[in-house]
């Protein structure tokens, strides 16, 4: 039986950043790896997380973080793909980008549109797409991110509504991570180990319903 390949396209929360500032969480903790464990050998889950990755924005400070510019080469390098899971938007809320929650949701749609146009030359099919809306930030005031994300905490609480509105309008499948997990109180942005487990398990159930 040919295994089905799932690409997880995201930022530091897909990469597995430890909110306590330690090294990257190991494979037993990261949510894409939990997804792999839950789905079993019939699936191959590819981790494609990049710290600081945005949806569509060029980062004038960090550089090389624009997800839209990277998406097609990454899709092509892993085809044939059954499913692409996109979880981006957190870094869009950095003060330097000055965008709204609705801008972020529409930027996620730009990624969906691009992925849908990226068909497998052998089959002519595009992969299924699942957009994951990130959970709201935890309070940033006590954290090192408070200056980088000025205004971002408030916007993060409007992402779910904005993503839902755009998903309904544009017709793409959406998973609200905030209904399952919460951001860490340690840094306000990243996910604790227990949240990775919950997210991986919840997404596995979602994938089973889709495929």
Protein backbone atom coordinates (compact mmCIF):
# COMPACT_ATOMS: atom_id res chain seq x y z
CA UNK A 1 0.00 0.00 0.00
CA UNK A 2 1.34 3.45 -0.96
CA UNK A 3 1.56 5.77 2.01
CA UNK A 4 -0.19 9.13 1.87
CA UNK A 5 2.06 12.16 2.40
CA UNK A 6 0.92 15.05 4.59
CA UNK A 7 2.92 18.28 4.64
CA UNK A 8 2.78 20.43 7.80
CA UNK A 9 3.65 23.98 6.71
CA UNK A 10 4.11 26.37 9.60
CA UNK A 11 6.31 28.47 11.84
CA UNK A 12 8.11 27.91 15.13
CA UNK A 13 5.10 26.16 16.63
CA UNK A 14 5.34 23.57 13.86
CA UNK A 15 9.13 23.48 14.20
CA UNK A 16 8.73 22.79 17.93
CA UNK A 17 10.08 25.83 19.78
CA UNK A 18 10.16 25.42 23.56
CA UNK A 19 8.44 28.40 25.23
CA UNK A 20 10.84 28.06 28.15
CA UNK A 21 13.68 28.95 25.80
CA UNK A 22 15.24 25.51 25.76
CA UNK A 23 16.29 23.57 22.69
CA UNK A 24 13.78 22.44 20.12
CA UNK A 25 11.30 19.89 21.46
CA UNK A 26 12.28 16.42 20.34
CA UNK A 27 10.27 14.22 18.02
CA UNK A 28 8.32 12.61 20.83
CA UNK A 29 6.73 15.99 21.62
CA UNK A 30 6.27 17.99 18.40
CA UNK A 31 2.69 18.01 17.10
CA UNK A 32 3.50 16.85 13.53
CA UNK A 33 5.26 13.84 15.05
CA UNK A 34 2.27 13.17 17.30
CA UNK A 35 0.14 13.34 14.15
CA UNK A 36 2.41 10.74 12.55
CA UNK A 37 2.15 8.46 15.57
CA UNK A 38 -1.63 8.74 15.64
CA UNK A 39 -2.10 8.11 11.91
CA UNK A 40 0.35 5.23 11.65
CA UNK A 41 2.33 3.75 8.79
CA UNK A 42 -0.27 4.43 6.12
CA UNK A 43 0.80 8.08 6.27
CA UNK A 44 4.06 9.99 5.96
CA UNK A 45 4.00 13.32 7.82
CA UNK A 46 6.54 15.89 6.67
CA UNK A 47 7.55 18.63 9.13
CA UNK A 48 8.10 21.97 7.40
CA UNK A 49 8.29 24.47 10.23
CA UNK A 50 10.40 27.62 10.05
CA UNK A 51 10.83 29.97 12.99
CA UNK A 52 9.51 33.42 12.10
CA UNK A 53 7.70 32.32 8.94
CA UNK A 54 4.88 34.64 7.86
CA UNK A 55 2.00 34.00 5.51
CA UNK A 56 2.87 36.43 2.70
CA UNK A 57 5.00 39.18 4.25
CA UNK A 58 8.66 39.92 3.56
CA UNK A 59 10.41 40.42 6.89
CA UNK A 60 12.67 43.48 6.70
CA UNK A 61 14.64 42.39 9.76
CA UNK A 62 14.90 38.60 9.70
CA UNK A 63 14.53 38.03 5.95
CA UNK A 64 13.67 34.81 4.07
CA UNK A 65 10.46 34.25 6.05
CA UNK A 66 7.76 34.78 3.43
CA UNK A 67 5.69 31.60 3.33
CA UNK A 68 4.05 32.39 0.01
CA UNK A 69 7.44 32.67 -1.72
CA UNK A 70 8.53 29.33 -0.26
CA UNK A 71 5.33 27.34 -0.67
CA UNK A 72 5.46 26.09 -4.27
CA UNK A 73 9.07 24.82 -4.17
CA UNK A 74 8.30 23.00 -0.93
CA UNK A 75 5.11 21.48 -2.33
CA UNK A 76 6.93 20.36 -5.45
CA UNK A 77 9.78 18.81 -3.47
CA UNK A 78 7.40 16.54 -1.55
CA UNK A 79 4.78 15.61 -4.15
CA UNK A 80 2.66 13.65 -4.53
CA UNK A 81 0.88 15.17 -1.54
CA UNK A 82 -2.43 14.02 -0.16
CA UNK A 83 -2.87 16.90 2.29
CA UNK A 84 -1.23 20.19 3.24
CA UNK A 85 -1.81 21.50 6.76
CA UNK A 86 -1.08 25.22 6.99
CA UNK A 87 -0.70 26.84 10.40
CA UNK A 88 0.60 30.37 9.98
CA UNK A 89 -0.39 33.86 11.10
CA UNK A 90 1.30 34.26 14.45
CA UNK A 91 4.32 36.10 13.07
CA UNK A 92 2.10 38.32 10.90
CA UNK A 93 1.03 39.97 14.15
CA UNK A 94 4.47 41.43 14.81
CA UNK A 95 4.29 45.20 15.07
CA UNK A 96 6.62 45.64 12.07
CA UNK A 97 3.94 44.33 9.67
CA UNK A 98 1.06 46.51 10.93
CA UNK A 99 -1.67 44.23 9.55
CA UNK A 100 -5.14 43.39 10.86
CA UNK A 101 -6.60 40.03 11.84
CA UNK A 102 -8.60 40.10 8.60
CA UNK A 103 -5.41 40.75 6.63
CA UNK A 104 -3.90 37.64 8.22
CA UNK A 105 -6.93 35.53 7.35
CA UNK A 106 -6.92 36.73 3.75
CA UNK A 107 -3.19 36.00 3.58
CA UNK A 108 -3.93 32.43 4.66
CA UNK A 109 -6.38 32.28 1.74
CA UNK A 110 -3.56 33.35 -0.59
CA UNK A 111 -1.63 30.28 0.55
CA UNK A 112 -4.64 28.03 -0.03
CA UNK A 113 -5.16 29.47 -3.50
CA UNK A 114 -1.52 28.89 -4.38
CA UNK A 115 -1.53 25.34 -3.03
CA UNK A 116 -4.68 24.52 -4.99
CA UNK A 117 -2.96 25.63 -8.20
CA UNK A 118 0.01 23.36 -7.54
CA UNK A 119 -1.13 20.14 -9.19
CA UNK A 120 0.74 16.87 -9.34
CA UNK A 121 1.97 16.43 -12.93
CA UNK A 122 1.33 12.69 -12.77
CA UNK A 123 -2.30 12.89 -11.64
CA UNK A 124 -3.36 16.48 -12.33
CA UNK A 125 -4.68 16.66 -8.77
CA UNK A 126 -3.99 19.31 -6.16
CA UNK A 127 -3.59 18.28 -2.52
CA UNK A 128 -6.34 18.72 0.02
CA UNK A 129 -5.76 21.78 2.24
CA UNK A 130 -6.47 22.21 5.94
CA UNK A 131 -5.88 25.66 7.43
CA UNK A 132 -5.25 25.77 11.17
CA UNK A 133 -6.00 29.10 12.83
CA UNK A 134 -3.46 29.66 15.62
CA UNK A 135 -4.77 30.05 19.18
CA UNK A 136 -4.84 33.48 20.82
CA UNK A 137 -1.72 34.69 22.57
CA UNK A 138 -1.40 34.40 26.32
CA UNK A 139 -0.69 37.74 28.06
CA UNK A 140 2.49 39.21 26.60
CA UNK A 141 3.17 41.90 29.21
CA UNK A 142 5.42 39.67 31.35
CA UNK A 143 7.27 38.18 28.36
CA UNK A 144 10.18 39.07 26.10
CA UNK A 145 7.78 39.31 23.13
CA UNK A 146 5.78 42.27 24.42
CA UNK A 147 7.65 44.87 22.35
CA UNK A 148 7.93 42.79 19.19
CA UNK A 149 4.18 42.15 19.16
CA UNK A 150 2.80 45.53 20.24
CA UNK A 151 -0.94 45.29 19.55
CA UNK A 152 -0.59 41.67 18.50
CA UNK A 153 -2.15 40.17 21.60
CA UNK A 154 -5.44 41.95 20.98
CA UNK A 155 -5.40 41.03 17.28
CA UNK A 156 -4.69 37.39 18.12
CA UNK A 157 -8.06 37.18 19.87
CA UNK A 158 -9.76 38.28 16.62
CA UNK A 159 -8.07 35.71 14.39
CA UNK A 160 -10.62 32.94 14.93
CA UNK A 161 -13.53 35.10 13.79
CA UNK A 162 -11.58 36.51 10.84
CA UNK A 163 -10.36 33.08 9.69
CA UNK A 164 -13.89 31.67 9.99
CA UNK A 165 -15.35 34.49 7.88
CA UNK A 166 -12.75 34.10 5.12
CA UNK A 167 -13.00 30.29 5.16
CA UNK A 168 -16.77 30.51 4.69
CA UNK A 169 -16.44 33.09 1.93
CA UNK A 170 -13.64 31.32 0.05
CA UNK A 171 -14.58 27.73 0.76
CA UNK A 172 -11.63 26.14 2.51
CA UNK A 173 -11.48 23.76 5.43
CA UNK A 174 -10.58 25.35 8.76
CA UNK A 175 -9.53 23.98 12.14
CA UNK A 176 -9.62 26.33 15.13
CA UNK A 177 -6.61 25.43 17.28
CA UNK A 178 -7.89 27.74 20.03
CA UNK A 179 -10.73 25.30 20.63
CA UNK A 180 -8.22 22.63 21.62
CA UNK A 181 -5.06 24.28 22.96
CA UNK A 182 -3.76 27.51 24.44
CA UNK A 183 -0.51 29.42 24.11
CA UNK A 184 2.01 29.10 26.91
CA UNK A 185 1.95 31.55 29.79
CA UNK A 186 5.75 31.39 29.77
CA UNK A 187 6.29 33.39 26.57
CA UNK A 188 2.72 34.01 25.41
CA UNK A 189 3.32 32.67 21.90
CA UNK A 190 4.54 29.08 21.78
CA UNK A 191 2.96 25.79 22.84
CA UNK A 192 3.88 23.75 25.89
CA UNK A 193 4.55 20.03 25.43
CA UNK A 194 1.08 19.04 26.63
CA UNK A 195 -0.50 21.33 24.04
CA UNK A 196 1.54 19.75 21.23
CA UNK A 197 0.11 16.39 22.27
CA UNK A 198 -3.46 17.67 22.28
CA UNK A 199 -3.07 19.42 18.94
CA UNK A 200 -1.49 16.41 17.25
CA UNK A 201 -4.25 14.12 18.49
CA UNK A 202 -7.02 16.52 17.50
CA UNK A 203 -5.57 17.03 14.02
CA UNK A 204 -5.27 13.28 13.58
CA UNK A 205 -9.00 12.98 14.16
CA UNK A 206 -9.61 15.79 11.68
CA UNK A 207 -7.40 14.14 9.06
CA UNK A 208 -9.21 10.82 9.45
CA UNK A 209 -12.46 12.63 8.71
CA UNK A 210 -10.98 14.26 5.62
CA UNK A 211 -9.08 11.41 3.97
